[in-house]
């Protein structure tokens, strides 16, 4: 299993790097053109979702969350 890294860019996209396989809701693969780094939209305004097209700069998207720990998962009933 190869490592995948997800970088939360301040005021920008999620950059996913590594051996990426991206599929839609029907399990059809996206053609990534051999890319090993993909930028995913975080602002919700991209014309090319789920990919970032830089629109976050035009709409003034701001989000720079610091790293934190998630609480433990709740037990399943």
C-alpha atoms as a PDB file:
ATOM      1  CA  UNK A   1       0.000   0.000   0.000  1.00  0.00           C
ATOM      2  CA  UNK A   2       1.459   3.352  -0.974  1.00  0.00           C
ATOM      3  CA  UNK A   3       1.256   6.517   1.057  1.00  0.00           C
ATOM      4  CA  UNK A   4      -1.274   9.191   0.193  1.00  0.00           C
ATOM      5  CA  UNK A   5      -0.817  12.680   1.597  1.00  0.00           C
ATOM      6  CA  UNK A   6      -3.611  15.240   1.879  1.00  0.00           C
ATOM      7  CA  UNK A   7      -2.532  18.843   2.393  1.00  0.00           C
ATOM      8  CA  UNK A   8      -5.123  21.432   3.445  1.00  0.00           C
ATOM      9  CA  UNK A   9      -3.971  24.596   1.649  1.00  0.00           C
ATOM     10  CA  UNK A  10      -4.738  27.805   3.556  1.00  0.00           C
ATOM     11  CA  UNK A  11      -7.691  29.503   1.845  1.00  0.00           C
ATOM     12  CA  UNK A  12      -7.433  26.997  -0.988  1.00  0.00           C
ATOM     13  CA  UNK A  13      -7.928  23.413  -2.111  1.00  0.00           C
ATOM     14  CA  UNK A  14      -7.107  20.025  -0.699  1.00  0.00           C
ATOM     15  CA  UNK A  15      -3.968  18.733  -2.414  1.00  0.00           C
ATOM     16  CA  UNK A  16      -3.933  14.946  -2.579  1.00  0.00           C
ATOM     17  CA  UNK A  17      -0.619  13.337  -3.536  1.00  0.00           C
ATOM     18  CA  UNK A  18       0.356   9.720  -4.046  1.00  0.00           C
ATOM     19  CA  UNK A  19      -1.047   6.695  -5.838  1.00  0.00           C
ATOM     20  CA  UNK A  20      -4.510   8.184  -6.421  1.00  0.00           C
ATOM     21  CA  UNK A  21      -7.551   6.305  -7.628  1.00  0.00           C
ATOM     22  CA  UNK A  22     -10.678   8.448  -7.905  1.00  0.00           C
ATOM     23  CA  UNK A  23     -14.076   6.984  -8.774  1.00  0.00           C
ATOM     24  CA  UNK A  24     -17.575   8.444  -9.027  1.00  0.00           C
ATOM     25  CA  UNK A  25     -20.720   7.184  -7.308  1.00  0.00           C
ATOM     26  CA  UNK A  26     -21.087   4.365  -9.835  1.00  0.00           C
ATOM     27  CA  UNK A  27     -17.456   3.248  -9.337  1.00  0.00           C
ATOM     28  CA  UNK A  28     -16.409   4.631 -12.749  1.00  0.00           C
ATOM     29  CA  UNK A  29     -12.817   5.888 -12.621  1.00  0.00           C
ATOM     30  CA  UNK A  30     -11.897   9.486 -13.373  1.00  0.00           C
ATOM     31  CA  UNK A  31      -9.126   9.824 -15.942  1.00  0.00           C
ATOM     32  CA  UNK A  32      -6.372  11.655 -14.080  1.00  0.00           C
ATOM     33  CA  UNK A  33      -3.916  11.875 -16.970  1.00  0.00           C
ATOM     34  CA  UNK A  34      -1.063  10.305 -15.020  1.00  0.00           C
ATOM     35  CA  UNK A  35      -1.153  12.983 -12.316  1.00  0.00           C
ATOM     36  CA  UNK A  36       0.215  12.095  -8.889  1.00  0.00           C
ATOM     37  CA  UNK A  37      -1.108  15.281  -7.255  1.00  0.00           C
ATOM     38  CA  UNK A  38      -4.712  16.466  -7.575  1.00  0.00           C
ATOM     39  CA  UNK A  39      -6.281  19.658  -6.169  1.00  0.00           C
ATOM     40  CA  UNK A  40      -9.825  19.186  -4.861  1.00  0.00           C
ATOM     41  CA  UNK A  41     -12.220  22.116  -4.473  1.00  0.00           C
ATOM     42  CA  UNK A  42     -12.967  23.135  -0.904  1.00  0.00           C
ATOM     43  CA  UNK A  43     -14.906  26.352  -1.561  1.00  0.00           C
ATOM     44  CA  UNK A  44     -17.747  24.696  -3.496  1.00  0.00           C
ATOM     45  CA  UNK A  45     -17.550  27.204  -6.346  1.00  0.00           C
ATOM     46  CA  UNK A  46     -15.373  25.387  -8.897  1.00  0.00           C
ATOM     47  CA  UNK A  47     -16.845  24.961 -12.373  1.00  0.00           C
ATOM     48  CA  UNK A  48     -14.928  21.671 -12.595  1.00  0.00           C
ATOM     49  CA  UNK A  49     -15.959  19.893  -9.373  1.00  0.00           C
ATOM     50  CA  UNK A  50     -14.596  17.935  -7.662  1.00  0.00           C
ATOM     51  CA  UNK A  51     -11.392  19.543  -8.933  1.00  0.00           C
ATOM     52  CA  UNK A  52     -10.147  23.006  -7.999  1.00  0.00           C
ATOM     53  CA  UNK A  53     -10.116  25.594 -10.783  1.00  0.00           C
ATOM     54  CA  UNK A  54      -8.842  28.552  -8.715  1.00  0.00           C
ATOM     55  CA  UNK A  55     -12.275  30.101  -8.153  1.00  0.00           C
ATOM     56  CA  UNK A  56     -11.563  30.279  -4.400  1.00  0.00           C
ATOM     57  CA  UNK A  57      -9.343  33.287  -5.171  1.00  0.00           C
ATOM     58  CA  UNK A  58     -12.169  35.117  -6.964  1.00  0.00           C
ATOM     59  CA  UNK A  59     -14.830  34.447  -4.318  1.00  0.00           C
ATOM     60  CA  UNK A  60     -12.640  35.272  -1.314  1.00  0.00           C
ATOM     61  CA  UNK A  61     -12.818  31.794   0.236  1.00  0.00           C
ATOM     62  CA  UNK A  62     -11.146  31.753   3.642  1.00  0.00           C
ATOM     63  CA  UNK A  63     -10.399  28.682   5.721  1.00  0.00           C
ATOM     64  CA  UNK A  64      -7.138  27.818   7.436  1.00  0.00           C
ATOM     65  CA  UNK A  65      -7.995  25.133   9.984  1.00  0.00           C
ATOM     66  CA  UNK A  66      -5.205  24.027  12.320  1.00  0.00           C
ATOM     67  CA  UNK A  67      -4.504  20.320  12.708  1.00  0.00           C
ATOM     68  CA  UNK A  68      -6.477  18.716  15.521  1.00  0.00           C
ATOM     69  CA  UNK A  69      -7.367  15.304  16.873  1.00  0.00           C
ATOM     70  CA  UNK A  70     -10.791  13.827  16.218  1.00  0.00           C
ATOM     71  CA  UNK A  71     -12.594  12.351  19.201  1.00  0.00           C
ATOM     72  CA  UNK A  72     -12.813   8.555  19.314  1.00  0.00           C
ATOM     73  CA  UNK A  73     -15.582   7.006  17.251  1.00  0.00           C
ATOM     74  CA  UNK A  74     -18.809   6.366  19.067  1.00  0.00           C
ATOM     75  CA  UNK A  75     -19.468   2.660  19.536  1.00  0.00           C
ATOM     76  CA  UNK A  76     -21.956   1.128  17.111  1.00  0.00           C
ATOM     77  CA  UNK A  77     -25.251   0.173  18.771  1.00  0.00           C
END
